[in-house]
C-alpha cells in the first residue's frame, strides 16, 4: 500500500507502525513517531494500524546547538 513517510510517497508492506519502521531501516532506532499528526508512543507502535494514504512522520533526535 502507498503511504507518506516524512512527506515522501512510499510503498510499504507492513500493516502497523512497528513493521513499517523495521521495513524502512529504523529497527530499534530511537525515533519519535506520528501518524496523521497524532503522536504514537513506542508502546503503541505494534497496535497502531496503518491504512493506505496515511501520513507517517519519523523524527530522529539530533545533537548540537
Foldseek 3Di string as FASTA:
>chain_A
DWEAEQRRIDDDDDFFQQRVCVVVPCNPPDWWKDKQRHTDDPVCRVVHTDDHHIYMYIGHDDDDD
